[in-house]
């Protein structure tokens, strides 16, 4: 079960639902169109139902969604992770250089598409 509402002064519809663990979740639909927001809500509810019934494992679904991201997104996340660690600036710069070269050599593709080749 999910709720769809707007906050005062906000333009986008907000979706509130319970995940497969029973925790209340809230997220923006990122749209001002009620019908589009309702379709997004229905998709979320269907995804939760599949995970709750055991048809889809959450870990597998997360891996699949990460596979759709362009590689540059994963690289950016990794570089952010490095910034929070106690590594020397030269080590971080070297890793940035290597990852930039790698990204340029394969192009901006998703990991899933790259794995198929």
C-alpha atoms as a PDB file:
ATOM      1  CA  UNK A   1       0.000   0.000   0.000  1.00  0.00           C
ATOM      2  CA  UNK A   2       1.292   3.452  -0.866  1.00  0.00           C
ATOM      3  CA  UNK A   3       0.240   7.064  -0.517  1.00  0.00           C
ATOM      4  CA  UNK A   4       0.665   9.831  -3.041  1.00  0.00           C
ATOM      5  CA  UNK A   5       0.535  13.452  -1.852  1.00  0.00           C
ATOM      6  CA  UNK A   6       1.932  16.948  -2.274  1.00  0.00           C
ATOM      7  CA  UNK A   7       3.446  19.064   0.461  1.00  0.00           C
ATOM      8  CA  UNK A   8       2.429  22.682   0.812  1.00  0.00           C
ATOM      9  CA  UNK A   9       4.469  24.837  -1.535  1.00  0.00           C
ATOM     10  CA  UNK A  10       6.090  21.823  -3.243  1.00  0.00           C
ATOM     11  CA  UNK A  11       5.624  21.076  -6.903  1.00  0.00           C
ATOM     12  CA  UNK A  12       6.436  17.361  -7.080  1.00  0.00           C
ATOM     13  CA  UNK A  13       4.264  14.509  -5.849  1.00  0.00           C
ATOM     14  CA  UNK A  14       5.626  12.560  -2.882  1.00  0.00           C
ATOM     15  CA  UNK A  15       5.330   8.778  -2.663  1.00  0.00           C
ATOM     16  CA  UNK A  16       5.129   7.143   0.747  1.00  0.00           C
ATOM     17  CA  UNK A  17       5.193   3.349   0.975  1.00  0.00           C
ATOM     18  CA  UNK A  18       6.365   0.431   3.099  1.00  0.00           C
ATOM     19  CA  UNK A  19       9.342  -1.563   1.839  1.00  0.00           C
ATOM     20  CA  UNK A  20       9.696  -5.356   2.075  1.00  0.00           C
ATOM     21  CA  UNK A  21      11.185  -4.986   5.566  1.00  0.00           C
ATOM     22  CA  UNK A  22       8.137  -3.088   6.817  1.00  0.00           C
ATOM     23  CA  UNK A  23       9.956   0.254   7.026  1.00  0.00           C
ATOM     24  CA  UNK A  24       8.142   3.369   5.866  1.00  0.00           C
ATOM     25  CA  UNK A  25       9.863   4.954   2.878  1.00  0.00           C
ATOM     26  CA  UNK A  26       9.254   8.321   1.294  1.00  0.00           C
ATOM     27  CA  UNK A  27      10.576   9.617  -2.000  1.00  0.00           C
ATOM     28  CA  UNK A  28       9.840  12.282  -4.542  1.00  0.00           C
ATOM     29  CA  UNK A  29       8.243  11.192  -7.792  1.00  0.00           C
ATOM     30  CA  UNK A  30      10.191  14.025  -9.460  1.00  0.00           C
ATOM     31  CA  UNK A  31       7.098  14.963 -11.425  1.00  0.00           C
ATOM     32  CA  UNK A  32       4.212  17.377 -11.053  1.00  0.00           C
ATOM     33  CA  UNK A  33       1.942  15.171 -13.190  1.00  0.00           C
ATOM     34  CA  UNK A  34      -0.352  13.119 -10.952  1.00  0.00           C
ATOM     35  CA  UNK A  35      -0.884  10.333 -13.494  1.00  0.00           C
ATOM     36  CA  UNK A  36       2.852   9.891 -14.039  1.00  0.00           C
ATOM     37  CA  UNK A  37       3.394   9.920 -10.256  1.00  0.00           C
ATOM     38  CA  UNK A  38       0.685   7.267  -9.861  1.00  0.00           C
ATOM     39  CA  UNK A  39       2.402   5.042 -12.444  1.00  0.00           C
ATOM     40  CA  UNK A  40       5.703   5.426 -10.569  1.00  0.00           C
ATOM     41  CA  UNK A  41       3.912   4.570  -7.322  1.00  0.00           C
ATOM     42  CA  UNK A  42       2.352   1.478  -8.873  1.00  0.00           C
ATOM     43  CA  UNK A  43       5.795   0.363 -10.051  1.00  0.00           C
ATOM     44  CA  UNK A  44       7.259   0.773  -6.563  1.00  0.00           C
ATOM     45  CA  UNK A  45       4.408  -1.195  -5.011  1.00  0.00           C
ATOM     46  CA  UNK A  46       4.861  -3.979  -7.590  1.00  0.00           C
ATOM     47  CA  UNK A  47       8.626  -4.123  -6.912  1.00  0.00           C
ATOM     48  CA  UNK A  48       8.027  -4.366  -3.164  1.00  0.00           C
ATOM     49  CA  UNK A  49       5.462  -7.143  -3.715  1.00  0.00           C
ATOM     50  CA  UNK A  50       7.966  -9.148  -5.787  1.00  0.00           C
ATOM     51  CA  UNK A  51      10.655  -8.804  -3.125  1.00  0.00           C
ATOM     52  CA  UNK A  52       8.220  -9.569  -0.282  1.00  0.00           C
ATOM     53  CA  UNK A  53       6.995 -12.749  -1.969  1.00  0.00           C
ATOM     54  CA  UNK A  54      10.572 -13.866  -2.625  1.00  0.00           C
ATOM     55  CA  UNK A  55      10.278 -13.794  -6.415  1.00  0.00           C
ATOM     56  CA  UNK A  56      13.066 -11.197  -6.614  1.00  0.00           C
ATOM     57  CA  UNK A  57      15.968 -11.028  -4.189  1.00  0.00           C
ATOM     58  CA  UNK A  58      16.788  -7.446  -3.146  1.00  0.00           C
ATOM     59  CA  UNK A  59      20.516  -8.019  -3.572  1.00  0.00           C
ATOM     60  CA  UNK A  60      20.030  -9.288  -7.120  1.00  0.00           C
ATOM     61  CA  UNK A  61      17.804  -6.326  -7.951  1.00  0.00           C
ATOM     62  CA  UNK A  62      20.407  -3.907  -6.579  1.00  0.00           C
ATOM     63  CA  UNK A  63      23.158  -5.533  -8.630  1.00  0.00           C
ATOM     64  CA  UNK A  64      21.005  -5.343 -11.760  1.00  0.00           C
ATOM     65  CA  UNK A  65      20.279  -1.654 -11.223  1.00  0.00           C
ATOM     66  CA  UNK A  66      23.987  -0.896 -10.677  1.00  0.00           C
ATOM     67  CA  UNK A  67      24.758  -2.649 -13.941  1.00  0.00           C
ATOM     68  CA  UNK A  68      22.651  -0.101 -15.803  1.00  0.00           C
ATOM     69  CA  UNK A  69      24.658   2.871 -14.540  1.00  0.00           C
ATOM     70  CA  UNK A  70      27.341   4.300 -16.802  1.00  0.00           C
ATOM     71  CA  UNK A  71      30.842   3.389 -15.698  1.00  0.00           C
ATOM     72  CA  UNK A  72      31.637   7.056 -15.092  1.00  0.00           C
ATOM     73  CA  UNK A  73      29.058   7.018 -12.253  1.00  0.00           C
ATOM     74  CA  UNK A  74      30.822   4.139 -10.531  1.00  0.00           C
ATOM     75  CA  UNK A  75      34.173   5.873 -10.968  1.00  0.00           C
ATOM     76  CA  UNK A  76      32.821   9.082  -9.417  1.00  0.00           C
ATOM     77  CA  UNK A  77      31.455   7.127  -6.436  1.00  0.00           C
ATOM     78  CA  UNK A  78      34.812   5.405  -5.974  1.00  0.00           C
ATOM     79  CA  UNK A  79      36.713   8.698  -6.104  1.00  0.00           C
ATOM     80  CA  UNK A  80      34.340  10.150  -3.488  1.00  0.00           C
ATOM     81  CA  UNK A  81      35.035   7.084  -1.366  1.00  0.00           C
ATOM     82  CA  UNK A  82      38.787   7.641  -1.723  1.00  0.00           C
ATOM     83  CA  UNK A  83      38.481  11.249  -0.574  1.00  0.00           C
ATOM     84  CA  UNK A  84      37.103  10.022   2.756  1.00  0.00           C
ATOM     85  CA  UNK A  85      40.028   7.686   3.353  1.00  0.00           C
ATOM     86  CA  UNK A  86      43.454   8.538   4.646  1.00  0.00           C
ATOM     87  CA  UNK A  87      45.347   8.168   1.373  1.00  0.00           C
ATOM     88  CA  UNK A  88      48.051  10.494   0.182  1.00  0.00           C
ATOM     89  CA  UNK A  89      47.132  13.043  -2.457  1.00  0.00           C
ATOM     90  CA  UNK A  90      49.607  11.435  -4.873  1.00  0.00           C
ATOM     91  CA  UNK A  91      47.905   8.033  -4.470  1.00  0.00           C
ATOM     92  CA  UNK A  92      44.495   9.571  -5.085  1.00  0.00           C
ATOM     93  CA  UNK A  93      45.816  11.465  -8.119  1.00  0.00           C
ATOM     94  CA  UNK A  94      47.335   8.273  -9.543  1.00  0.00           C
ATOM     95  CA  UNK A  95      44.058   6.384  -9.157  1.00  0.00           C
ATOM     96  CA  UNK A  96      42.159   9.275 -10.786  1.00  0.00           C
ATOM     97  CA  UNK A  97      44.612   9.215 -13.698  1.00  0.00           C
ATOM     98  CA  UNK A  98      44.291   5.456 -14.202  1.00  0.00           C
ATOM     99  CA  UNK A  99      40.500   5.535 -13.997  1.00  0.00           C
ATOM    100  CA  UNK A 100      40.314   8.467 -16.417  1.00  0.00           C
ATOM    101  CA  UNK A 101      42.453   6.548 -18.894  1.00  0.00           C
ATOM    102  CA  UNK A 102      40.294   3.449 -18.469  1.00  0.00           C
ATOM    103  CA  UNK A 103      37.071   5.419 -18.920  1.00  0.00           C
ATOM    104  CA  UNK A 104      38.400   7.098 -22.080  1.00  0.00           C
ATOM    105  CA  UNK A 105      39.587   3.797 -23.528  1.00  0.00           C
ATOM    106  CA  UNK A 106      36.239   1.996 -23.203  1.00  0.00           C
ATOM    107  CA  UNK A 107      33.940   5.000 -23.560  1.00  0.00           C
ATOM    108  CA  UNK A 108      30.991   5.924 -21.363  1.00  0.00           C
ATOM    109  CA  UNK A 109      29.180   2.596 -21.321  1.00  0.00           C
ATOM    110  CA  UNK A 110      27.218   0.751 -18.713  1.00  0.00           C
ATOM    111  CA  UNK A 111      28.816  -2.240 -17.014  1.00  0.00           C
ATOM    112  CA  UNK A 112      26.031  -4.514 -18.221  1.00  0.00           C
ATOM    113  CA  UNK A 113      26.546  -3.586 -21.880  1.00  0.00           C
ATOM    114  CA  UNK A 114      30.317  -3.933 -21.482  1.00  0.00           C
ATOM    115  CA  UNK A 115      29.954  -7.391 -19.886  1.00  0.00           C
ATOM    116  CA  UNK A 116      27.886  -8.654 -22.836  1.00  0.00           C
ATOM    117  CA  UNK A 117      30.742  -7.982 -25.288  1.00  0.00           C
END
